[in-house]
Amino acid sequence: MILEMGIENKLHHGTTTVGIVCKDGVVLAADRRTSAGYLVADKKTKKVKQISDHMAITTAGLVSDAQLFTRIIRAQLKLLQIRKGKEPSVKEAANLLASLSYVNIRRPSMVPGIVGFLLGGADKYGYHLYELGIDGSISKADDYKSDGSGSIVAMGVLETLYKKDLSTEEAVPVAVKCINAALQRDLATGNGIDVFVVNKDGVKSVFAKELDMTIKA
């Protein structure tokens, strides 16, 4: 289906996102560049987005799809919370978001959604990280995940620096190094780094840095 639509080369659209499972939470990180071919369309895009009190996602793909899916999943999770009287589990959120992608990409009358997500969250069962593909696939991570055009570079850093039972405090600099490595090698990754921690206390920004690419004469 994907090959027939001729979008196989867009599966990992320009960006780099990282998720790390820690003993006291989940760390999510991303760059800030939005690209349109060889054009840098936006230098301040926020690609880590809070979707509930204890859940956040990273986005890698078409901006319009990412924005639409983010709005929909936020609304659905809020409705579920109102109906059930409690926040849905991270697994429920992952299934909901995956269903959106699955249904959207298989509607012949619609443009398929081309966006991948990393979903990190905390619930009564612990801390969780899921990778959601553009086709609605779900992959649960016990350690770490990376998505986007710079993910190959980021995964090399993760393979080297990741250790079991890292704390979020220890994992934040690892996430920064992953995005920084992708910044050096991937054309579609750049302009800044955002890192968030998701734990039992909620979703919190712990690192935000804009990179000045201006050459001063």
Protein backbone atom coordinates (compact mmCIF):
# COMPACT_ATOMS: atom_id res chain seq x y z
CA MET A 1 0.00 0.00 0.00
CA ILE A 2 2.71 2.46 1.01
CA LEU A 3 4.93 1.60 -1.95
CA GLU A 4 2.01 1.91 -4.37
CA MET A 5 1.34 5.45 -3.14
CA GLY A 6 4.96 6.38 -3.80
CA ILE A 7 5.67 7.72 -0.29
CA GLU A 8 8.26 5.20 0.81
CA ASN A 9 10.93 7.91 0.74
CA LYS A 10 8.93 10.04 3.20
CA LEU A 11 8.60 7.55 6.03
CA HIS A 12 11.23 9.35 8.07
CA HIS A 13 10.59 12.98 7.22
CA GLY A 14 13.10 15.61 8.23
CA THR A 15 13.69 15.92 11.96
CA THR A 16 15.24 14.02 14.86
CA THR A 17 13.30 12.88 17.91
CA VAL A 18 14.46 10.76 20.84
CA GLY A 19 12.75 8.97 23.72
CA ILE A 20 14.50 7.35 26.69
CA VAL A 21 12.85 5.21 29.37
CA CYS A 22 14.27 5.91 32.83
CA LYS A 23 13.67 4.50 36.29
CA ASP A 24 11.86 7.68 37.34
CA GLY A 25 10.25 8.85 34.11
CA VAL A 26 10.58 9.22 30.35
CA VAL A 27 12.79 11.75 28.56
CA LEU A 28 11.62 13.12 25.18
CA ALA A 29 13.75 15.34 22.95
CA ALA A 30 13.60 16.90 19.49
CA ASP A 31 15.16 19.56 17.28
CA ARG A 32 13.31 22.69 16.06
CA ARG A 33 13.79 22.78 12.29
CA THR A 34 10.92 22.42 9.82
CA SER A 35 12.14 21.75 6.30
CA ALA A 36 10.46 21.91 2.91
CA GLY A 37 12.84 20.13 0.58
CA TYR A 38 16.08 22.10 0.82
CA LEU A 39 14.35 25.12 2.36
CA VAL A 40 14.31 25.75 6.12
CA ALA A 41 10.63 26.70 6.49
CA ASP A 42 10.64 27.31 10.25
CA LYS A 43 13.42 27.56 12.83
CA LYS A 44 11.29 27.47 15.99
CA THR A 45 8.97 24.49 15.61
CA LYS A 46 8.05 22.77 18.87
CA LYS A 47 8.07 19.04 18.19
CA VAL A 48 7.51 17.83 21.76
CA LYS A 49 3.85 18.34 22.63
CA GLN A 50 1.93 17.66 25.84
CA ILE A 51 -1.30 15.75 25.14
CA SER A 52 -2.52 15.08 28.71
CA ASP A 53 -1.48 15.66 32.30
CA HIS A 54 1.04 12.79 32.22
CA MET A 55 1.69 12.18 28.52
CA ALA A 56 3.58 13.87 25.68
CA ILE A 57 4.49 13.06 22.10
CA THR A 58 7.24 13.94 19.66
CA THR A 59 6.37 14.44 15.99
CA ALA A 60 8.36 13.62 12.87
CA GLY A 61 6.71 14.19 9.51
CA LEU A 62 4.36 16.54 7.73
CA VAL A 63 3.50 19.53 9.89
CA SER A 64 -0.19 19.63 8.96
CA ASP A 65 -0.69 15.98 9.91
CA ALA A 66 1.24 16.40 13.14
CA GLN A 67 -0.86 19.41 14.15
CA LEU A 68 -4.17 17.74 13.27
CA PHE A 69 -3.39 14.43 14.99
CA THR A 70 -2.14 16.28 18.08
CA ARG A 71 -5.39 18.23 18.38
CA ILE A 72 -7.48 15.10 17.89
CA ILE A 73 -5.61 12.93 20.41
CA ARG A 74 -5.71 15.71 23.02
CA ALA A 75 -9.47 16.01 22.62
CA GLN A 76 -10.04 12.25 22.69
CA LEU A 77 -7.96 11.78 25.83
CA LYS A 78 -9.80 14.64 27.54
CA LEU A 79 -13.17 13.12 26.64
CA LEU A 80 -12.08 9.73 27.96
CA GLN A 81 -10.87 11.34 31.17
CA ILE A 82 -14.25 13.05 31.66
CA ARG A 83 -16.20 9.86 30.94
CA LYS A 84 -14.06 7.57 33.07
CA GLY A 85 -13.22 10.05 35.81
CA LYS A 86 -9.51 9.36 35.44
CA GLU A 87 -6.74 9.82 32.91
CA PRO A 88 -6.48 7.00 30.33
CA SER A 89 -3.47 4.69 30.45
CA VAL A 90 -0.50 5.29 28.18
CA LYS A 91 -1.32 2.08 26.30
CA GLU A 92 -4.85 3.34 25.62
CA ALA A 93 -3.45 6.61 24.29
CA ALA A 94 -1.01 4.72 22.05
CA ASN A 95 -3.81 2.58 20.62
CA LEU A 96 -5.98 5.64 19.97
CA LEU A 97 -3.21 7.51 18.16
CA ALA A 98 -2.25 4.43 16.16
CA SER A 99 -5.87 3.96 15.12
CA LEU A 100 -5.97 7.52 13.78
CA SER A 101 -2.93 6.85 11.60
CA TYR A 102 -4.20 3.44 10.47
CA VAL A 103 -7.63 4.71 9.41
CA ASN A 104 -6.28 7.86 7.76
CA ILE A 105 -3.67 6.18 5.59
CA ARG A 106 -6.19 3.65 4.27
CA ARG A 107 -8.85 6.09 3.10
CA PRO A 108 -8.41 6.30 -0.69
CA SER A 109 -10.26 9.61 -0.85
CA MET A 110 -7.87 11.32 1.56
CA VAL A 111 -4.23 12.31 1.48
CA PRO A 112 -2.45 9.77 3.72
CA GLY A 113 -1.03 10.96 7.00
CA ILE A 114 2.75 11.01 6.91
CA VAL A 115 3.84 11.51 10.51
CA GLY A 116 5.46 9.31 13.13
CA PHE A 117 5.21 9.75 16.88
CA LEU A 118 7.09 8.84 20.02
CA LEU A 119 4.64 8.71 22.93
CA GLY A 120 5.97 8.90 26.47
CA GLY A 121 3.84 8.77 29.57
CA ALA A 122 3.29 7.80 33.17
CA ASP A 123 0.36 5.88 34.65
CA LYS A 124 -0.34 3.50 37.52
CA TYR A 125 1.52 0.76 35.64
CA GLY A 126 4.78 2.72 35.42
CA TYR A 127 6.62 4.69 32.74
CA HIS A 128 6.15 3.86 29.07
CA LEU A 129 7.50 4.76 25.64
CA TYR A 130 5.83 3.83 22.34
CA GLU A 131 6.85 4.40 18.74
CA LEU A 132 3.88 4.89 16.40
CA GLY A 133 4.47 4.47 12.69
CA ILE A 134 2.69 6.31 9.89
CA ASP A 135 0.81 3.10 9.06
CA GLY A 136 -0.64 2.73 12.56
CA SER A 137 1.97 0.28 13.81
CA ILE A 138 2.88 0.29 17.51
CA SER A 139 6.24 -0.61 19.01
CA LYS A 140 6.81 -0.47 22.78
CA ALA A 141 10.29 0.39 23.99
CA ASP A 142 11.86 -0.94 27.16
CA ASP A 143 14.86 1.35 26.74
CA TYR A 144 14.90 3.96 23.97
CA LYS A 145 13.62 4.97 20.54
CA SER A 146 14.47 7.53 17.87
CA ASP A 147 12.54 8.74 14.83
CA GLY A 148 13.06 11.08 11.90
CA SER A 149 15.71 11.60 9.25
CA GLY A 150 18.47 11.99 11.85
CA SER A 151 17.47 8.90 13.82
CA ILE A 152 20.32 6.79 12.47
CA VAL A 153 22.84 9.21 13.95
CA ALA A 154 20.91 9.49 17.22
CA MET A 155 20.64 5.71 17.58
CA GLY A 156 24.41 5.40 17.38
CA VAL A 157 24.75 7.76 20.34
CA LEU A 158 22.02 5.93 22.26
CA GLU A 159 23.67 2.55 21.66
CA THR A 160 26.90 3.95 23.10
CA LEU A 161 25.66 6.00 26.06
CA TYR A 162 22.45 4.30 27.23
CA LYS A 163 22.59 2.31 30.46
CA LYS A 164 19.83 0.41 32.19
CA ASP A 165 18.12 2.20 35.10
CA LEU A 166 19.25 5.68 34.12
CA SER A 167 17.60 8.48 36.06
CA THR A 168 15.93 11.27 34.08
CA GLU A 169 18.65 13.62 35.32
CA GLU A 170 21.29 11.33 33.80
CA ALA A 171 19.30 10.77 30.59
CA VAL A 172 18.74 14.44 29.74
CA PRO A 173 22.37 15.09 28.67
CA VAL A 174 22.29 11.83 26.68
CA ALA A 175 19.21 13.07 24.81
CA VAL A 176 20.91 16.42 24.17
CA LYS A 177 23.97 14.64 22.76
CA CYS A 178 21.73 12.57 20.47
CA ILE A 179 20.04 15.62 18.96
CA ASN A 180 23.34 17.51 18.78
CA ALA A 181 24.95 14.64 16.86
CA ALA A 182 22.07 14.67 14.38
CA LEU A 183 22.43 18.45 14.06
CA GLN A 184 25.98 17.93 12.83
CA ARG A 185 25.12 15.33 10.17
CA ASP A 186 21.47 15.60 9.12
CA LEU A 187 20.44 18.52 6.89
CA ALA A 188 16.81 18.42 8.03
CA THR A 189 17.70 18.63 11.73
CA GLY A 190 18.69 21.92 13.31
CA ASN A 191 18.11 25.33 14.90
CA GLY A 192 17.49 24.19 18.47
CA ILE A 193 16.93 21.46 21.02
CA ASP A 194 13.99 20.83 23.36
CA VAL A 195 13.99 18.20 26.09
CA PHE A 196 11.05 17.25 28.29
CA VAL A 197 10.65 14.89 31.25
CA VAL A 198 7.40 12.99 31.76
CA ASN A 199 6.86 11.44 35.19
CA LYS A 200 4.27 11.04 37.95
CA ASP A 201 4.38 14.81 38.55
CA GLY A 202 3.45 15.63 34.95
CA VAL A 203 5.19 16.96 31.83
CA LYS A 204 8.03 19.43 32.27
CA SER A 205 10.46 21.20 29.96
CA VAL A 206 13.97 20.70 31.36
CA PHE A 207 16.18 21.91 28.50
CA ALA A 208 15.51 24.44 25.74
CA LYS A 209 18.21 25.94 23.56
CA GLU A 210 18.00 27.96 20.38
CA LEU A 211 21.04 27.67 18.17
CA ASP A 212 22.21 30.86 16.46
CA MET A 213 23.33 29.91 12.95
CA THR A 214 24.05 33.50 11.92
CA ILE A 215 27.55 34.25 10.64
CA LYS A 216 28.71 37.57 12.00
CA ALA A 217 31.04 39.61 9.78
